[in-house]
Amino acid sequence: MDYAAGPSHILPTEGTARFGSGLNILDFVKLTSIVKTGKTDIKQLGKAAMKIAYAEGLDAHAQAVAKRMENAG
C-alpha cells in the first residue's frame, strides 16, 4: 500500500530521498520577501543603507538610495 499512498519517494531527487523526507509542495515554491518603505523610513535609514552599499562596493545601490532620499524630500 505504501507504493500507492506513500510520500513522493520515487520522484527524481538524485538519491536524497534515501536520507531525507519525501517531497512536498514547498519543494516547488519560491518564497519571496517584500519590504515596503515610506518617505519616513527612507529618511531614517537612507544614510546607513548608502554607507553599507558603498562599503560592499555596490555603488549603484547607494546611488539608488540617494535618489530615493531626494524624492522623499
N, C-alpha and C. Protein backbone atom coordinates (compact mmCIF):
# COMPACT_ATOMS: atom_id res chain seq x y z
N MET A 1 0.81 -1.19 0.00
CA MET A 1 0.00 0.00 0.00
C MET A 1 0.86 1.26 0.00
N ASP A 2 2.06 1.19 0.52
CA ASP A 2 2.94 2.36 0.56
C ASP A 2 3.19 2.91 -0.83
N TYR A 3 3.25 2.04 -1.82
CA TYR A 3 3.52 2.48 -3.18
C TYR A 3 2.43 3.42 -3.68
N ALA A 4 1.18 3.15 -3.35
CA ALA A 4 0.06 3.95 -3.84
C ALA A 4 -0.23 5.16 -2.95
N ALA A 5 -0.04 5.05 -1.65
CA ALA A 5 -0.44 6.11 -0.74
C ALA A 5 0.73 6.80 -0.04
N GLY A 6 1.94 6.35 -0.27
CA GLY A 6 3.10 6.88 0.44
C GLY A 6 3.55 8.22 -0.09
N PRO A 7 4.55 8.83 0.55
CA PRO A 7 5.08 10.11 0.10
C PRO A 7 5.77 9.97 -1.26
N SER A 8 6.11 11.07 -1.83
CA SER A 8 6.71 11.09 -3.17
C SER A 8 8.17 10.66 -3.14
N HIS A 9 8.42 9.45 -2.68
CA HIS A 9 9.79 8.98 -2.55
C HIS A 9 10.34 8.41 -3.84
N ILE A 10 9.54 8.33 -4.89
CA ILE A 10 10.04 7.79 -6.15
C ILE A 10 10.34 8.88 -7.17
N LEU A 11 10.08 10.14 -6.83
CA LEU A 11 10.38 11.22 -7.74
C LEU A 11 11.89 11.42 -7.84
N PRO A 12 12.36 11.98 -8.95
CA PRO A 12 13.81 12.16 -9.11
C PRO A 12 14.38 13.16 -8.11
N THR A 13 15.06 12.68 -7.13
CA THR A 13 15.65 13.52 -6.09
C THR A 13 17.16 13.36 -6.05
N GLU A 14 17.72 12.73 -7.08
CA GLU A 14 19.15 12.48 -7.16
C GLU A 14 19.66 11.73 -5.93
N GLY A 15 18.86 10.82 -5.42
CA GLY A 15 19.27 9.97 -4.32
C GLY A 15 19.05 10.54 -2.93
N THR A 16 18.63 11.78 -2.82
CA THR A 16 18.47 12.38 -1.49
C THR A 16 17.28 11.82 -0.73
N ALA A 17 16.35 11.18 -1.40
CA ALA A 17 15.18 10.61 -0.72
C ALA A 17 15.58 9.48 0.24
N ARG A 18 16.77 8.92 0.06
CA ARG A 18 17.21 7.84 0.95
C ARG A 18 17.46 8.34 2.36
N PHE A 19 17.88 9.61 2.51
CA PHE A 19 18.19 10.12 3.84
C PHE A 19 17.38 11.36 4.20
N GLY A 20 16.51 11.81 3.34
CA GLY A 20 15.67 12.97 3.62
C GLY A 20 14.20 12.62 3.54
N SER A 21 13.38 13.59 3.81
CA SER A 21 11.95 13.34 3.76
C SER A 21 11.46 13.39 2.33
N GLY A 22 10.24 12.91 2.12
CA GLY A 22 9.63 12.95 0.80
C GLY A 22 9.38 14.38 0.36
N LEU A 23 9.15 14.56 -0.91
CA LEU A 23 8.89 15.88 -1.45
C LEU A 23 7.49 16.34 -1.07
N ASN A 24 7.34 17.65 -0.94
CA ASN A 24 6.01 18.22 -0.73
C ASN A 24 5.91 19.50 -1.55
N ILE A 25 4.80 20.15 -1.52
CA ILE A 25 4.57 21.33 -2.36
C ILE A 25 5.59 22.44 -2.10
N LEU A 26 6.10 22.56 -0.88
CA LEU A 26 7.07 23.62 -0.57
C LEU A 26 8.40 23.43 -1.29
N ASP A 27 8.67 22.20 -1.76
CA ASP A 27 9.89 21.96 -2.53
C ASP A 27 9.82 22.61 -3.91
N PHE A 28 8.63 23.00 -4.33
CA PHE A 28 8.46 23.56 -5.66
C PHE A 28 8.01 25.02 -5.64
N VAL A 29 7.97 25.63 -4.47
CA VAL A 29 7.51 27.00 -4.31
C VAL A 29 8.70 27.91 -4.02
N LYS A 30 8.75 29.05 -4.69
CA LYS A 30 9.79 30.03 -4.39
C LYS A 30 9.19 31.08 -3.47
N LEU A 31 9.77 31.26 -2.30
CA LEU A 31 9.31 32.26 -1.34
C LEU A 31 10.04 33.57 -1.59
N THR A 32 9.31 34.66 -1.59
CA THR A 32 9.88 35.98 -1.85
C THR A 32 9.47 36.93 -0.74
N SER A 33 10.41 37.72 -0.28
CA SER A 33 10.12 38.72 0.74
C SER A 33 9.92 40.07 0.07
N ILE A 34 8.94 40.81 0.53
CA ILE A 34 8.68 42.15 0.02
C ILE A 34 8.73 43.11 1.20
N VAL A 35 9.51 44.17 1.04
CA VAL A 35 9.64 45.18 2.09
C VAL A 35 9.09 46.48 1.54
N LYS A 36 8.13 47.05 2.23
CA LYS A 36 7.55 48.32 1.81
C LYS A 36 8.05 49.41 2.74
N THR A 37 8.58 50.47 2.15
CA THR A 37 9.07 51.59 2.93
C THR A 37 8.40 52.88 2.47
N GLY A 38 8.30 53.81 3.37
CA GLY A 38 7.73 55.11 3.05
C GLY A 38 8.80 56.18 3.14
N LYS A 39 8.39 57.41 2.96
CA LYS A 39 9.34 58.53 2.98
C LYS A 39 10.06 58.64 4.31
N THR A 40 9.34 58.41 5.41
CA THR A 40 9.96 58.49 6.74
C THR A 40 11.04 57.42 6.89
N ASP A 41 10.75 56.21 6.41
CA ASP A 41 11.73 55.12 6.50
C ASP A 41 13.00 55.45 5.72
N ILE A 42 12.81 55.97 4.51
CA ILE A 42 13.96 56.32 3.68
C ILE A 42 14.81 57.40 4.35
N LYS A 43 14.15 58.38 4.93
CA LYS A 43 14.88 59.45 5.62
C LYS A 43 15.67 58.91 6.80
N GLN A 44 15.10 57.95 7.54
CA GLN A 44 15.77 57.40 8.72
C GLN A 44 16.87 56.41 8.37
N LEU A 45 16.67 55.60 7.34
CA LEU A 45 17.60 54.51 7.04
C LEU A 45 18.52 54.79 5.86
N GLY A 46 18.22 55.82 5.09
CA GLY A 46 18.94 56.07 3.85
C GLY A 46 20.45 56.20 3.99
N LYS A 47 20.90 57.02 4.91
CA LYS A 47 22.35 57.24 5.07
C LYS A 47 23.07 55.96 5.46
N ALA A 48 22.46 55.20 6.37
CA ALA A 48 23.08 53.93 6.79
C ALA A 48 23.10 52.94 5.62
N ALA A 49 22.00 52.90 4.84
CA ALA A 49 21.95 51.99 3.68
C ALA A 49 23.01 52.36 2.65
N MET A 50 23.19 53.66 2.43
CA MET A 50 24.22 54.11 1.48
C MET A 50 25.62 53.74 1.97
N LYS A 51 25.87 53.92 3.25
CA LYS A 51 27.18 53.60 3.82
C LYS A 51 27.50 52.11 3.66
N ILE A 52 26.51 51.27 3.93
CA ILE A 52 26.70 49.82 3.78
C ILE A 52 26.94 49.47 2.31
N ALA A 53 26.13 50.05 1.42
CA ALA A 53 26.27 49.75 -0.01
C ALA A 53 27.65 50.14 -0.52
N TYR A 54 28.11 51.34 -0.17
CA TYR A 54 29.44 51.76 -0.60
C TYR A 54 30.53 50.85 -0.02
N ALA A 55 30.39 50.45 1.23
CA ALA A 55 31.38 49.57 1.86
C ALA A 55 31.46 48.23 1.16
N GLU A 56 30.33 47.78 0.61
CA GLU A 56 30.30 46.49 -0.10
C GLU A 56 30.62 46.64 -1.58
N GLY A 57 30.93 47.87 -2.01
CA GLY A 57 31.25 48.09 -3.41
C GLY A 57 30.04 48.12 -4.32
N LEU A 58 28.87 48.36 -3.76
CA LEU A 58 27.63 48.39 -4.53
C LEU A 58 27.20 49.84 -4.77
N ASP A 59 28.00 50.51 -5.57
CA ASP A 59 27.79 51.94 -5.80
C ASP A 59 26.41 52.24 -6.40
N ALA A 60 25.95 51.42 -7.33
CA ALA A 60 24.64 51.66 -7.95
C ALA A 60 23.52 51.56 -6.92
N HIS A 61 23.65 50.65 -5.97
CA HIS A 61 22.65 50.54 -4.91
C HIS A 61 22.65 51.80 -4.05
N ALA A 62 23.84 52.29 -3.72
CA ALA A 62 23.94 53.51 -2.93
C ALA A 62 23.34 54.69 -3.67
N GLN A 63 23.59 54.77 -4.97
CA GLN A 63 23.03 55.86 -5.76
C GLN A 63 21.51 55.77 -5.86
N ALA A 64 20.97 54.55 -5.91
CA ALA A 64 19.52 54.36 -5.93
C ALA A 64 18.90 54.85 -4.62
N VAL A 65 19.57 54.56 -3.50
CA VAL A 65 19.07 55.04 -2.21
C VAL A 65 19.13 56.56 -2.16
N ALA A 66 20.22 57.14 -2.68
CA ALA A 66 20.35 58.61 -2.70
C ALA A 66 19.21 59.23 -3.49
N LYS A 67 18.86 58.62 -4.62
CA LYS A 67 17.76 59.13 -5.44
C LYS A 67 16.44 59.05 -4.68
N ARG A 68 16.23 57.94 -3.97
CA ARG A 68 15.01 57.81 -3.18
C ARG A 68 14.95 58.85 -2.06
N MET A 69 16.12 59.14 -1.48
CA MET A 69 16.18 60.17 -0.43
C MET A 69 15.84 61.53 -1.01
N GLU A 70 16.31 61.83 -2.23
CA GLU A 70 15.96 63.09 -2.89
C GLU A 70 14.46 63.19 -3.10
N ASN A 71 13.86 62.11 -3.59
CA ASN A 71 12.42 62.10 -3.88
C ASN A 71 11.57 62.17 -2.61
N ALA A 72 12.15 61.72 -1.49
CA ALA A 72 11.42 61.74 -0.22
C ALA A 72 11.33 63.15 0.35
N GLY A 73 12.19 64.03 -0.14
CA GLY A 73 12.15 65.43 0.29
C GLY A 73 12.88 65.70 1.50
